[in-house]
Amino acid sequence: MSEPATVVVAGGVGLAATGLLAGVDMLAVIGALAGSLVFFTTTEELPVWKRVLFLLVSFVMGYMFAPGMAEVELFGTRPFKYTGPAAFGASVVVVTVALAIIKRRGLIAEPQGRQDG
């Protein structure tokens, strides 16, 4: 006779999960995840722990910048009409630009052994 209780519990868990995800833009989540994974897989010169940290930063910031990038107009057109591609672009660009600024300021030393001579 525990079958009705199981159905009630499963229904309650489903409703709770739906309630938690009600305000989440799933297109932006998928775009930000894809962009952060592209960044993670292409930056082999960084140690794994730094790549994981930048993966998280890229994912979060890509999701957060998605609504703003979806509203950007260039020359009268909107290149990112939907939040998914906007989140993808934002998640790839945000950490790449941050790392370029950090390297330019000299806060990250260049890895040894990659010099000719």
PDB file of N, CA and C in Angstrom:
ATOM      1  N   MET A   1       0.804  -1.192   0.000  1.00  0.00           N
ATOM      2  CA  MET A   1       0.000   0.000   0.000  1.00  0.00           C
ATOM      3  C   MET A   1       0.853   1.264   0.000  1.00  0.00           C
ATOM      4  N   SER A   2       2.145   1.142  -0.239  1.00  0.00           N
ATOM      5  CA  SER A   2       3.006   2.316  -0.264  1.00  0.00           C
ATOM      6  C   SER A   2       3.055   2.969  -1.642  1.00  0.00           C
ATOM      7  N   GLU A   3       2.377   2.374  -2.615  1.00  0.00           N
ATOM      8  CA  GLU A   3       2.402   2.939  -3.966  1.00  0.00           C
ATOM      9  C   GLU A   3       1.781   4.334  -4.033  1.00  0.00           C
ATOM     10  N   PRO A   4       0.648   4.609  -3.394  1.00  0.00           N
ATOM     11  CA  PRO A   4       0.117   5.978  -3.440  1.00  0.00           C
ATOM     12  C   PRO A   4       1.065   6.991  -2.792  1.00  0.00           C
ATOM     13  N   ALA A   5       1.718   6.578  -1.708  1.00  0.00           N
ATOM     14  CA  ALA A   5       2.668   7.483  -1.060  1.00  0.00           C
ATOM     15  C   ALA A   5       3.842   7.781  -1.983  1.00  0.00           C
ATOM     16  N   THR A   6       4.300   6.784  -2.726  1.00  0.00           N
ATOM     17  CA  THR A   6       5.406   6.985  -3.665  1.00  0.00           C
ATOM     18  C   THR A   6       5.012   7.964  -4.764  1.00  0.00           C
ATOM     19  N   VAL A   7       3.799   7.834  -5.259  1.00  0.00           N
ATOM     20  CA  VAL A   7       3.302   8.739  -6.299  1.00  0.00           C
ATOM     21  C   VAL A   7       3.219  10.159  -5.763  1.00  0.00           C
ATOM     22  N   VAL A   8       2.749  10.317  -4.543  1.00  0.00           N
ATOM     23  CA  VAL A   8       2.632  11.647  -3.948  1.00  0.00           C
ATOM     24  C   VAL A   8       4.014  12.266  -3.741  1.00  0.00           C
ATOM     25  N   VAL A   9       4.955  11.480  -3.240  1.00  0.00           N
ATOM     26  CA  VAL A   9       6.315  11.986  -3.019  1.00  0.00           C
ATOM     27  C   VAL A   9       6.971  12.347  -4.345  1.00  0.00           C
ATOM     28  N   ALA A  10       6.841  11.487  -5.351  1.00  0.00           N
ATOM     29  CA  ALA A  10       7.427  11.776  -6.665  1.00  0.00           C
ATOM     30  C   ALA A  10       6.809  13.027  -7.279  1.00  0.00           C
ATOM     31  N   GLY A  11       5.509  13.180  -7.126  1.00  0.00           N
ATOM     32  CA  GLY A  11       4.846  14.384  -7.629  1.00  0.00           C
ATOM     33  C   GLY A  11       5.326  15.628  -6.911  1.00  0.00           C
ATOM     34  N   GLY A  12       5.504  15.520  -5.608  1.00  0.00           N
ATOM     35  CA  GLY A  12       6.003  16.665  -4.833  1.00  0.00           C
ATOM     36  C   GLY A  12       7.412  17.057  -5.230  1.00  0.00           C
ATOM     37  N   VAL A  13       8.258  16.052  -5.461  1.00  0.00           N
ATOM     38  CA  VAL A  13       9.627  16.335  -5.902  1.00  0.00           C
ATOM     39  C   VAL A  13       9.619  16.983  -7.279  1.00  0.00           C
ATOM     40  N   GLY A  14       8.771  16.497  -8.163  1.00  0.00           N
ATOM     41  CA  GLY A  14       8.658  17.090  -9.493  1.00  0.00           C
ATOM     42  C   GLY A  14       8.188  18.526  -9.449  1.00  0.00           C
ATOM     43  N   LEU A  15       7.198  18.810  -8.613  1.00  0.00           N
ATOM     44  CA  LEU A  15       6.714  20.181  -8.482  1.00  0.00           C
ATOM     45  C   LEU A  15       7.775  21.096  -7.876  1.00  0.00           C
ATOM     46  N   ALA A  16       8.521  20.585  -6.912  1.00  0.00           N
ATOM     47  CA  ALA A  16       9.583  21.397  -6.305  1.00  0.00           C
ATOM     48  C   ALA A  16      10.674  21.713  -7.318  1.00  0.00           C
ATOM     49  N   ALA A  17      11.064  20.726  -8.108  1.00  0.00           N
ATOM     50  CA  ALA A  17      12.095  20.955  -9.127  1.00  0.00           C
ATOM     51  C   ALA A  17      11.607  21.933 -10.177  1.00  0.00           C
ATOM     52  N   THR A  18      10.358  21.823 -10.563  1.00  0.00           N
ATOM     53  CA  THR A  18       9.788  22.749 -11.538  1.00  0.00           C
ATOM     54  C   THR A  18       9.736  24.160 -10.968  1.00  0.00           C
ATOM     55  N   GLY A  19       9.398  24.274  -9.716  1.00  0.00           N
ATOM     56  CA  GLY A  19       9.364  25.586  -9.082  1.00  0.00           C
ATOM     57  C   GLY A  19      10.733  26.228  -8.998  1.00  0.00           C
ATOM     58  N   LEU A  20      11.759  25.435  -8.757  1.00  0.00           N
ATOM     59  CA  LEU A  20      13.121  25.978  -8.691  1.00  0.00           C
ATOM     60  C   LEU A  20      13.603  26.448 -10.056  1.00  0.00           C
ATOM     61  N   LEU A  21      13.191  25.761 -11.110  1.00  0.00           N
ATOM     62  CA  LEU A  21      13.663  26.092 -12.450  1.00  0.00           C
ATOM     63  C   LEU A  21      12.724  27.022 -13.215  1.00  0.00           C
ATOM     64  N   ALA A  22      11.698  27.532 -12.565  1.00  0.00           N
ATOM     65  CA  ALA A  22      10.696  28.331 -13.267  1.00  0.00           C
ATOM     66  C   ALA A  22      11.267  29.609 -13.847  1.00  0.00           C
ATOM     67  N   GLY A  23      12.175  30.251 -13.165  1.00  0.00           N
ATOM     68  CA  GLY A  23      12.718  31.512 -13.646  1.00  0.00           C
ATOM     69  C   GLY A  23      14.009  31.378 -14.421  1.00  0.00           C
ATOM     70  N   VAL A  24      14.441  30.168 -14.717  1.00  0.00           N
ATOM     71  CA  VAL A  24      15.717  29.950 -15.391  1.00  0.00           C
ATOM     72  C   VAL A  24      15.497  29.921 -16.901  1.00  0.00           C
ATOM     73  N   ASP A  25      16.288  30.700 -17.626  1.00  0.00           N
ATOM     74  CA  ASP A  25      16.246  30.708 -19.085  1.00  0.00           C
ATOM     75  C   ASP A  25      17.119  29.561 -19.592  1.00  0.00           C
ATOM     76  N   MET A  26      16.480  28.479 -20.007  1.00  0.00           N
ATOM     77  CA  MET A  26      17.230  27.279 -20.396  1.00  0.00           C
ATOM     78  C   MET A  26      18.055  27.492 -21.671  1.00  0.00           C
ATOM     79  N   LEU A  27      17.618  28.349 -22.580  1.00  0.00           N
ATOM     80  CA  LEU A  27      18.439  28.645 -23.756  1.00  0.00           C
ATOM     81  C   LEU A  27      19.753  29.291 -23.338  1.00  0.00           C
ATOM     82  N   ALA A  28      19.686  30.214 -22.383  1.00  0.00           N
ATOM     83  CA  ALA A  28      20.896  30.868 -21.898  1.00  0.00           C
ATOM     84  C   ALA A  28      21.787  29.884 -21.142  1.00  0.00           C
ATOM     85  N   VAL A  29      21.188  28.965 -20.392  1.00  0.00           N
ATOM     86  CA  VAL A  29      21.977  27.965 -19.672  1.00  0.00           C
ATOM     87  C   VAL A  29      22.742  27.079 -20.650  1.00  0.00           C
ATOM     88  N   ILE A  30      22.066  26.616 -21.685  1.00  0.00           N
ATOM     89  CA  ILE A  30      22.719  25.748 -22.668  1.00  0.00           C
ATOM     90  C   ILE A  30      23.803  26.507 -23.421  1.00  0.00           C
ATOM     91  N   GLY A  31      23.524  27.744 -23.820  1.00  0.00           N
ATOM     92  CA  GLY A  31      24.522  28.547 -24.517  1.00  0.00           C
ATOM     93  C   GLY A  31      25.733  28.840 -23.655  1.00  0.00           C
ATOM     94  N   ALA A  32      25.515  29.197 -22.390  1.00  0.00           N
ATOM     95  CA  ALA A  32      26.626  29.486 -21.488  1.00  0.00           C
ATOM     96  C   ALA A  32      27.444  28.233 -21.207  1.00  0.00           C
ATOM     97  N   LEU A  33      26.777  27.101 -21.053  1.00  0.00           N
ATOM     98  CA  LEU A  33      27.501  25.854 -20.826  1.00  0.00           C
ATOM     99  C   LEU A  33      28.340  25.477 -22.040  1.00  0.00           C
ATOM    100  N   ALA A  34      27.778  25.626 -23.228  1.00  0.00           N
ATOM    101  CA  ALA A  34      28.531  25.300 -24.445  1.00  0.00           C
ATOM    102  C   ALA A  34      29.735  26.222 -24.604  1.00  0.00           C
ATOM    103  N   GLY A  35      29.554  27.505 -24.361  1.00  0.00           N
ATOM    104  CA  GLY A  35      30.667  28.444 -24.466  1.00  0.00           C
ATOM    105  C   GLY A  35      31.753  28.187 -23.444  1.00  0.00           C
ATOM    106  N   SER A  36      31.367  27.871 -22.224  1.00  0.00           N
ATOM    107  CA  SER A  36      32.367  27.607 -21.195  1.00  0.00           C
ATOM    108  C   SER A  36      33.103  26.296 -21.468  1.00  0.00           C
ATOM    109  N   LEU A  37      32.425  25.320 -22.053  1.00  0.00           N
ATOM    110  CA  LEU A  37      33.102  24.069 -22.408  1.00  0.00           C
ATOM    111  C   LEU A  37      34.069  24.268 -23.567  1.00  0.00           C
ATOM    112  N   VAL A  38      33.718  25.126 -24.514  1.00  0.00           N
ATOM    113  CA  VAL A  38      34.652  25.442 -25.599  1.00  0.00           C
ATOM    114  C   VAL A  38      35.902  26.094 -25.024  1.00  0.00           C
ATOM    115  N   PHE A  39      35.716  27.043 -24.119  1.00  0.00           N
ATOM    116  CA  PHE A  39      36.873  27.679 -23.489  1.00  0.00           C
ATOM    117  C   PHE A  39      37.702  26.652 -22.724  1.00  0.00           C
ATOM    118  N   PHE A  40      37.047  25.777 -21.973  1.00  0.00           N
ATOM    119  CA  PHE A  40      37.753  24.782 -21.166  1.00  0.00           C
ATOM    120  C   PHE A  40      38.592  23.847 -22.026  1.00  0.00           C
ATOM    121  N   THR A  41      38.057  23.418 -23.153  1.00  0.00           N
ATOM    122  CA  THR A  41      38.765  22.434 -23.972  1.00  0.00           C
ATOM    123  C   THR A  41      39.850  23.050 -24.848  1.00  0.00           C
ATOM    124  N   THR A  42      39.839  24.358 -25.046  1.00  0.00           N
ATOM    125  CA  THR A  42      40.828  24.967 -25.927  1.00  0.00           C
ATOM    126  C   THR A  42      41.977  25.641 -25.198  1.00  0.00           C
ATOM    127  N   THR A  43      41.919  25.773 -23.900  1.00  0.00           N
ATOM    128  CA  THR A  43      43.006  26.417 -23.153  1.00  0.00           C
ATOM    129  C   THR A  43      43.829  25.360 -22.441  1.00  0.00           C
ATOM    130  N   GLU A  44      44.674  24.702 -23.205  1.00  0.00           N
ATOM    131  CA  GLU A  44      45.473  23.611 -22.650  1.00  0.00           C
ATOM    132  C   GLU A  44      46.705  24.098 -21.906  1.00  0.00           C
ATOM    133  N   GLU A  45      47.100  25.366 -22.071  1.00  0.00           N
ATOM    134  CA  GLU A  45      48.305  25.851 -21.402  1.00  0.00           C
ATOM    135  C   GLU A  45      48.088  26.134 -19.919  1.00  0.00           C
ATOM    136  N   LEU A  46      46.844  26.195 -19.480  1.00  0.00           N
ATOM    137  CA  LEU A  46      46.553  26.422 -18.066  1.00  0.00           C
ATOM    138  C   LEU A  46      46.402  25.094 -17.336  1.00  0.00           C
ATOM    139  N   PRO A  47      46.742  25.058 -16.037  1.00  0.00           N
ATOM    140  CA  PRO A  47      46.501  23.839 -15.263  1.00  0.00           C
ATOM    141  C   PRO A  47      45.008  23.540 -15.159  1.00  0.00           C
ATOM    142  N   VAL A  48      44.692  22.294 -14.880  1.00  0.00           N
ATOM    143  CA  VAL A  48      43.296  21.856 -14.856  1.00  0.00           C
ATOM    144  C   VAL A  48      42.490  22.618 -13.806  1.00  0.00           C
ATOM    145  N   TRP A  49      43.046  22.856 -12.638  1.00  0.00           N
ATOM    146  CA  TRP A  49      42.272  23.528 -11.595  1.00  0.00           C
ATOM    147  C   TRP A  49      41.919  24.952 -12.008  1.00  0.00           C
ATOM    148  N   LYS A  50      42.810  25.631 -12.749  1.00  0.00           N
ATOM    149  CA  LYS A  50      42.491  26.975 -13.226  1.00  0.00           C
ATOM    150  C   LYS A  50      41.442  26.916 -14.335  1.00  0.00           C
ATOM    151  N   ARG A  51      41.530  25.905 -15.183  1.00  0.00           N
ATOM    152  CA  ARG A  51      40.538  25.771 -16.247  1.00  0.00           C
ATOM    153  C   ARG A  51      39.156  25.498 -15.671  1.00  0.00           C
ATOM    154  N   VAL A  52      39.074  24.692 -14.612  1.00  0.00           N
ATOM    155  CA  VAL A  52      37.783  24.428 -13.961  1.00  0.00           C
ATOM    156  C   VAL A  52      37.237  25.707 -13.333  1.00  0.00           C
ATOM    157  N   LEU A  53      38.104  26.477 -12.699  1.00  0.00           N
ATOM    158  CA  LEU A  53      37.681  27.742 -12.109  1.00  0.00           C
ATOM    159  C   LEU A  53      37.178  28.699 -13.186  1.00  0.00           C
ATOM    160  N   PHE A  54      37.917  28.812 -14.289  1.00  0.00           N
ATOM    161  CA  PHE A  54      37.484  29.677 -15.381  1.00  0.00           C
ATOM    162  C   PHE A  54      36.239  29.133 -16.075  1.00  0.00           C
ATOM    163  N   LEU A  55      36.048  27.825 -16.081  1.00  0.00           N
ATOM    164  CA  LEU A  55      34.830  27.231 -16.625  1.00  0.00           C
ATOM    165  C   LEU A  55      33.621  27.722 -15.840  1.00  0.00           C
ATOM    166  N   LEU A  56      33.721  27.704 -14.519  1.00  0.00           N
ATOM    167  CA  LEU A  56      32.617  28.169 -13.671  1.00  0.00           C
ATOM    168  C   LEU A  56      32.358  29.661 -13.860  1.00  0.00           C
ATOM    169  N   VAL A  57      33.442  30.450 -13.898  1.00  0.00           N
ATOM    170  CA  VAL A  57      33.291  31.891 -14.101  1.00  0.00           C
ATOM    171  C   VAL A  57      32.668  32.167 -15.469  1.00  0.00           C
ATOM    172  N   SER A  58      33.144  31.470 -16.486  1.00  0.00           N
ATOM    173  CA  SER A  58      32.623  31.648 -17.836  1.00  0.00           C
ATOM    174  C   SER A  58      31.148  31.288 -17.914  1.00  0.00           C
ATOM    175  N   PHE A  59      30.758  30.195 -17.272  1.00  0.00           N
ATOM    176  CA  PHE A  59      29.359  29.767 -17.280  1.00  0.00           C
ATOM    177  C   PHE A  59      28.459  30.794 -16.597  1.00  0.00           C
ATOM    178  N   VAL A  60      28.837  31.223 -15.413  1.00  0.00           N
ATOM    179  CA  VAL A  60      28.010  32.165 -14.651  1.00  0.00           C
ATOM    180  C   VAL A  60      27.919  33.510 -15.363  1.00  0.00           C
ATOM    181  N   MET A  61      29.050  34.027 -15.798  1.00  0.00           N
ATOM    182  CA  MET A  61      29.038  35.340 -16.443  1.00  0.00           C
ATOM    183  C   MET A  61      28.367  35.285 -17.820  1.00  0.00           C
ATOM    184  N   GLY A  62      28.518  34.181 -18.533  1.00  0.00           N
ATOM    185  CA  GLY A  62      27.816  34.036 -19.803  1.00  0.00           C
ATOM    186  C   GLY A  62      26.316  34.055 -19.615  1.00  0.00           C
ATOM    187  N   TYR A  63      25.852  33.374 -18.581  1.00  0.00           N
ATOM    188  CA  TYR A  63      24.413  33.378 -18.288  1.00  0.00           C
ATOM    189  C   TYR A  63      23.942  34.775 -17.887  1.00  0.00           C
ATOM    190  N   MET A  64      24.750  35.470 -17.101  1.00  0.00           N
ATOM    191  CA  MET A  64      24.349  36.787 -16.622  1.00  0.00           C
ATOM    192  C   MET A  64      24.363  37.840 -17.732  1.00  0.00           C
ATOM    193  N   PHE A  65      25.292  37.738 -18.680  1.00  0.00           N
ATOM    194  CA  PHE A  65      25.386  38.714 -19.760  1.00  0.00           C
ATOM    195  C   PHE A  65      24.433  38.428 -20.916  1.00  0.00           C
ATOM    196  N   ALA A  66      23.818  37.261 -20.947  1.00  0.00           N
ATOM    197  CA  ALA A  66      22.972  36.864 -22.077  1.00  0.00           C
ATOM    198  C   ALA A  66      21.832  37.844 -22.364  1.00  0.00           C
ATOM    199  N   PRO A  67      21.057  38.285 -21.381  1.00  0.00           N
ATOM    200  CA  PRO A  67      19.963  39.222 -21.708  1.00  0.00           C
ATOM    201  C   PRO A  67      20.471  40.531 -22.294  1.00  0.00           C
ATOM    202  N   GLY A  68      21.588  41.019 -21.783  1.00  0.00           N
ATOM    203  CA  GLY A  68      22.138  42.264 -22.307  1.00  0.00           C
ATOM    204  C   GLY A  68      22.661  42.115 -23.723  1.00  0.00           C
ATOM    205  N   MET A  69      23.328  41.011 -24.004  1.00  0.00           N
ATOM    206  CA  MET A  69      23.858  40.801 -25.346  1.00  0.00           C
ATOM    207  C   MET A  69      22.747  40.521 -26.352  1.00  0.00           C
ATOM    208  N   ALA A  70      21.644  39.961 -25.902  1.00  0.00           N
ATOM    209  CA  ALA A  70      20.533  39.704 -26.809  1.00  0.00           C
ATOM    210  C   ALA A  70      19.876  41.000 -27.274  1.00  0.00           C
ATOM    211  N   GLU A  71      20.063  42.076 -26.534  1.00  0.00           N
ATOM    212  CA  GLU A  71      19.471  43.366 -26.886  1.00  0.00           C
ATOM    213  C   GLU A  71      20.416  44.268 -27.671  1.00  0.00           C
ATOM    214  N   VAL A  72      21.650  43.853 -27.881  1.00  0.00           N
ATOM    215  CA  VAL A  72      22.638  44.684 -28.578  1.00  0.00           C
ATOM    216  C   VAL A  72      22.274  44.801 -30.052  1.00  0.00           C
ATOM    217  N   GLU A  73      22.392  46.019 -30.577  1.00  0.00           N
ATOM    218  CA  GLU A  73      22.164  46.252 -32.001  1.00  0.00           C
ATOM    219  C   GLU A  73      23.447  46.793 -32.620  1.00  0.00           C
ATOM    220  N   LEU A  74      23.857  46.188 -33.729  1.00  0.00           N
ATOM    221  CA  LEU A  74      25.015  46.651 -34.490  1.00  0.00           C
ATOM    222  C   LEU A  74      24.549  46.992 -35.894  1.00  0.00           C
ATOM    223  N   PHE A  75      24.703  48.248 -36.253  1.00  0.00           N
ATOM    224  CA  PHE A  75      24.320  48.721 -37.583  1.00  0.00           C
ATOM    225  C   PHE A  75      22.860  48.389 -37.905  1.00  0.00           C
ATOM    226  N   GLY A  76      21.998  48.510 -36.932  1.00  0.00           N
ATOM    227  CA  GLY A  76      20.573  48.295 -37.136  1.00  0.00           C
ATOM    228  C   GLY A  76      20.123  46.843 -37.098  1.00  0.00           C
ATOM    229  N   THR A  77      21.021  45.910 -36.807  1.00  0.00           N
ATOM    230  CA  THR A  77      20.639  44.497 -36.712  1.00  0.00           C
ATOM    231  C   THR A  77      21.011  43.962 -35.335  1.00  0.00           C
ATOM    232  N   ARG A  78      20.318  42.926 -34.935  1.00  0.00           N
ATOM    233  CA  ARG A  78      20.610  42.263 -33.663  1.00  0.00           C
ATOM    234  C   ARG A  78      21.289  40.934 -33.964  1.00  0.00           C
ATOM    235  N   PRO A  79      22.611  40.844 -33.772  1.00  0.00           N
ATOM    236  CA  PRO A  79      23.301  39.592 -34.092  1.00  0.00           C
ATOM    237  C   PRO A  79      22.899  38.435 -33.182  1.00  0.00           C
ATOM    238  N   PHE A  80      22.519  38.747 -31.958  1.00  0.00           N
ATOM    239  CA  PHE A  80      22.088  37.722 -31.012  1.00  0.00           C
ATOM    240  C   PHE A  80      20.626  37.961 -30.687  1.00  0.00           C
ATOM    241  N   LYS A  81      19.751  37.400 -31.487  1.00  0.00           N
ATOM    242  CA  LYS A  81      18.319  37.612 -31.277  1.00  0.00           C
ATOM    243  C   LYS A  81      17.816  36.828 -30.071  1.00  0.00           C
ATOM    244  N   TYR A  82      18.410  35.668 -29.835  1.00  0.00           N
ATOM    245  CA  TYR A  82      17.985  34.804 -28.740  1.00  0.00           C
ATOM    246  C   TYR A  82      19.070  34.739 -27.669  1.00  0.00           C
ATOM    247  N   THR A  83      18.673  34.384 -26.466  1.00  0.00           N
ATOM    248  CA  THR A  83      19.622  34.379 -25.350  1.00  0.00           C
ATOM    249  C   THR A  83      20.613  33.222 -25.407  1.00  0.00           C
ATOM    250  N   GLY A  84      20.298  32.153 -26.102  1.00  0.00           N
ATOM    251  CA  GLY A  84      21.231  31.026 -26.195  1.00  0.00           C
ATOM    252  C   GLY A  84      22.527  31.400 -26.892  1.00  0.00           C
ATOM    253  N   PRO A  85      22.466  31.893 -28.131  1.00  0.00           N
ATOM    254  CA  PRO A  85      23.697  32.330 -28.793  1.00  0.00           C
ATOM    255  C   PRO A  85      24.370  33.497 -28.078  1.00  0.00           C
ATOM    256  N   ALA A  86      23.588  34.379 -27.471  1.00  0.00           N
ATOM    257  CA  ALA A  86      24.173  35.493 -26.726  1.00  0.00           C
ATOM    258  C   ALA A  86      24.960  34.984 -25.529  1.00  0.00           C
ATOM    259  N   ALA A  87      24.437  33.999 -24.818  1.00  0.00           N
ATOM    260  CA  ALA A  87      25.147  33.425 -23.677  1.00  0.00           C
ATOM    261  C   ALA A  87      26.399  32.696 -24.129  1.00  0.00           C
ATOM    262  N   PHE A  88      26.327  32.010 -25.273  1.00  0.00           N
ATOM    263  CA  PHE A  88      27.507  31.337 -25.815  1.00  0.00           C
ATOM    264  C   PHE A  88      28.608  32.351 -26.098  1.00  0.00           C
ATOM    265  N   GLY A  89      28.258  33.419 -26.798  1.00  0.00           N
ATOM    266  CA  GLY A  89      29.250  34.446 -27.113  1.00  0.00           C
ATOM    267  C   GLY A  89      29.802  35.108 -25.868  1.00  0.00           C
ATOM    268  N   ALA A  90      28.936  35.413 -24.929  1.00  0.00           N
ATOM    269  CA  ALA A  90      29.379  36.070 -23.703  1.00  0.00           C
ATOM    270  C   ALA A  90      30.290  35.173 -22.882  1.00  0.00           C
ATOM    271  N   SER A  91      29.972  33.890 -22.793  1.00  0.00           N
ATOM    272  CA  SER A  91      30.791  33.000 -21.970  1.00  0.00           C
ATOM    273  C   SER A  91      32.165  32.769 -22.591  1.00  0.00           C
ATOM    274  N   VAL A  92      32.264  32.798 -23.912  1.00  0.00           N
ATOM    275  CA  VAL A  92      33.567  32.657 -24.559  1.00  0.00           C
ATOM    276  C   VAL A  92      34.374  33.949 -24.413  1.00  0.00           C
ATOM    277  N   VAL A  93      33.717  35.080 -24.564  1.00  0.00           N
ATOM    278  CA  VAL A  93      34.424  36.359 -24.591  1.00  0.00           C
ATOM    279  C   VAL A  93      34.845  36.824 -23.204  1.00  0.00           C
ATOM    280  N   VAL A  94      34.035  36.624 -22.195  1.00  0.00           N
ATOM    281  CA  VAL A  94      34.287  37.239 -20.893  1.00  0.00           C
ATOM    282  C   VAL A  94      35.598  36.754 -20.261  1.00  0.00           C
ATOM    283  N   VAL A  95      35.865  35.483 -20.287  1.00  0.00           N
ATOM    284  CA  VAL A  95      37.100  34.978 -19.674  1.00  0.00           C
ATOM    285  C   VAL A  95      38.290  35.227 -20.593  1.00  0.00           C
ATOM    286  N   THR A  96      38.083  35.148 -21.900  1.00  0.00           N
ATOM    287  CA  THR A  96      39.164  35.412 -22.836  1.00  0.00           C
ATOM    288  C   THR A  96      39.659  36.849 -22.684  1.00  0.00           C
ATOM    289  N   VAL A  97      38.743  37.785 -22.588  1.00  0.00           N
ATOM    290  CA  VAL A  97      39.120  39.186 -22.402  1.00  0.00           C
ATOM    291  C   VAL A  97      39.775  39.387 -21.036  1.00  0.00           C
ATOM    292  N   ALA A  98      39.232  38.773 -20.010  1.00  0.00           N
ATOM    293  CA  ALA A  98      39.817  38.904 -18.668  1.00  0.00           C
ATOM    294  C   ALA A  98      41.245  38.363 -18.636  1.00  0.00           C
ATOM    295  N   LEU A  99      41.478  37.208 -19.258  1.00  0.00           N
ATOM    296  CA  LEU A  99      42.835  36.646 -19.293  1.00  0.00           C
ATOM    297  C   LEU A  99      43.779  37.523 -20.108  1.00  0.00           C
ATOM    298  N   ALA A 100      43.299  38.108 -21.193  1.00  0.00           N
ATOM    299  CA  ALA A 100      44.140  39.000 -21.990  1.00  0.00           C
ATOM    300  C   ALA A 100      44.541  40.230 -21.188  1.00  0.00           C
ATOM    301  N   ILE A 101      43.615  40.777 -20.417  1.00  0.00           N
ATOM    302  CA  ILE A 101      43.932  41.935 -19.575  1.00  0.00           C
ATOM    303  C   ILE A 101      44.924  41.554 -18.490  1.00  0.00           C
ATOM    304  N   ILE A 102      44.731  40.399 -17.873  1.00  0.00           N
ATOM    305  CA  ILE A 102      45.640  39.952 -16.820  1.00  0.00           C
ATOM    306  C   ILE A 102      47.037  39.725 -17.384  1.00  0.00           C
ATOM    307  N   LYS A 103      47.154  39.088 -18.542  1.00  0.00           N
ATOM    308  CA  LYS A 103      48.466  38.853 -19.147  1.00  0.00           C
ATOM    309  C   LYS A 103      49.130  40.158 -19.558  1.00  0.00           C
ATOM    310  N   ARG A 104      48.341  41.092 -20.036  1.00  0.00           N
ATOM    311  CA  ARG A 104      48.900  42.377 -20.463  1.00  0.00           C
ATOM    312  C   ARG A 104      49.466  43.149 -19.283  1.00  0.00           C
ATOM    313  N   ARG A 105      48.828  43.036 -18.156  1.00  0.00           N
ATOM    314  CA  ARG A 105      49.317  43.723 -16.953  1.00  0.00           C
ATOM    315  C   ARG A 105      50.474  42.989 -16.305  1.00  0.00           C
ATOM    316  N   GLY A 106      50.771  41.786 -16.775  1.00  0.00           N
ATOM    317  CA  GLY A 106      51.915  41.051 -16.271  1.00  0.00           C
ATOM    318  C   GLY A 106      51.659  40.283 -14.993  1.00  0.00           C
ATOM    319  N   LEU A 107      50.388  40.005 -14.690  1.00  0.00           N
ATOM    320  CA  LEU A 107      50.077  39.291 -13.460  1.00  0.00           C
ATOM    321  C   LEU A 107      50.220  37.785 -13.596  1.00  0.00           C
ATOM    322  N   ILE A 108      50.244  37.281 -14.835  1.00  0.00           N
ATOM    323  CA  ILE A 108      50.465  35.858 -15.071  1.00  0.00           C
ATOM    324  C   ILE A 108      51.761  35.716 -15.852  1.00  0.00           C
ATOM    325  N   ALA A 109      52.692  34.975 -15.300  1.00  0.00           N
ATOM    326  CA  ALA A 109      53.959  34.765 -15.988  1.00  0.00           C
ATOM    327  C   ALA A 109      53.760  33.781 -17.130  1.00  0.00           C
ATOM    328  N   GLU A 110      54.496  34.000 -18.204  1.00  0.00           N
ATOM    329  CA  GLU A 110      54.433  33.090 -19.340  1.00  0.00           C
ATOM    330  C   GLU A 110      55.030  31.745 -18.942  1.00  0.00           C
ATOM    331  N   PRO A 111      54.465  30.648 -19.424  1.00  0.00           N
ATOM    332  CA  PRO A 111      55.000  29.318 -19.077  1.00  0.00           C
ATOM    333  C   PRO A 111      56.404  29.133 -19.631  1.00  0.00           C
ATOM    334  N   GLN A 112      57.229  28.443 -18.882  1.00  0.00           N
ATOM    335  CA  GLN A 112      58.611  28.186 -19.300  1.00  0.00           C
ATOM    336  C   GLN A 112      58.652  27.076 -20.330  1.00  0.00           C
ATOM    337  N   GLY A 113      59.656  27.129 -21.196  1.00  0.00           N
ATOM    338  CA  GLY A 113      59.868  26.059 -22.145  1.00  0.00           C
ATOM    339  C   GLY A 113      59.186  26.267 -23.475  1.00  0.00           C
ATOM    340  N   ARG A 114      58.602  27.418 -23.709  1.00  0.00           N
ATOM    341  CA  ARG A 114      57.935  27.660 -24.982  1.00  0.00           C
ATOM    342  C   ARG A 114      58.666  28.735 -25.788  1.00  0.00           C
ATOM    343  N   GLN A 115      59.945  28.893 -25.526  1.00  0.00           N
ATOM    344  CA  GLN A 115      60.723  29.902 -26.220  1.00  0.00           C
ATOM    345  C   GLN A 115      61.680  29.221 -27.172  1.00  0.00           C
ATOM    346  N   ASP A 116      61.881  29.852 -28.321  1.00  0.00           N
ATOM    347  CA  ASP A 116      62.842  29.325 -29.284  1.00  0.00           C
ATOM    348  C   ASP A 116      64.248  29.713 -28.865  1.00  0.00           C
ATOM    349  N   GLY A 117      65.189  28.861 -29.174  1.00  0.00           N
ATOM    350  CA  GLY A 117      66.572  29.232 -28.908  1.00  0.00           C
ATOM    351  C   GLY A 117      67.193  28.312 -28.007  1.00  0.00           C
TER     352      GLY A 117
END
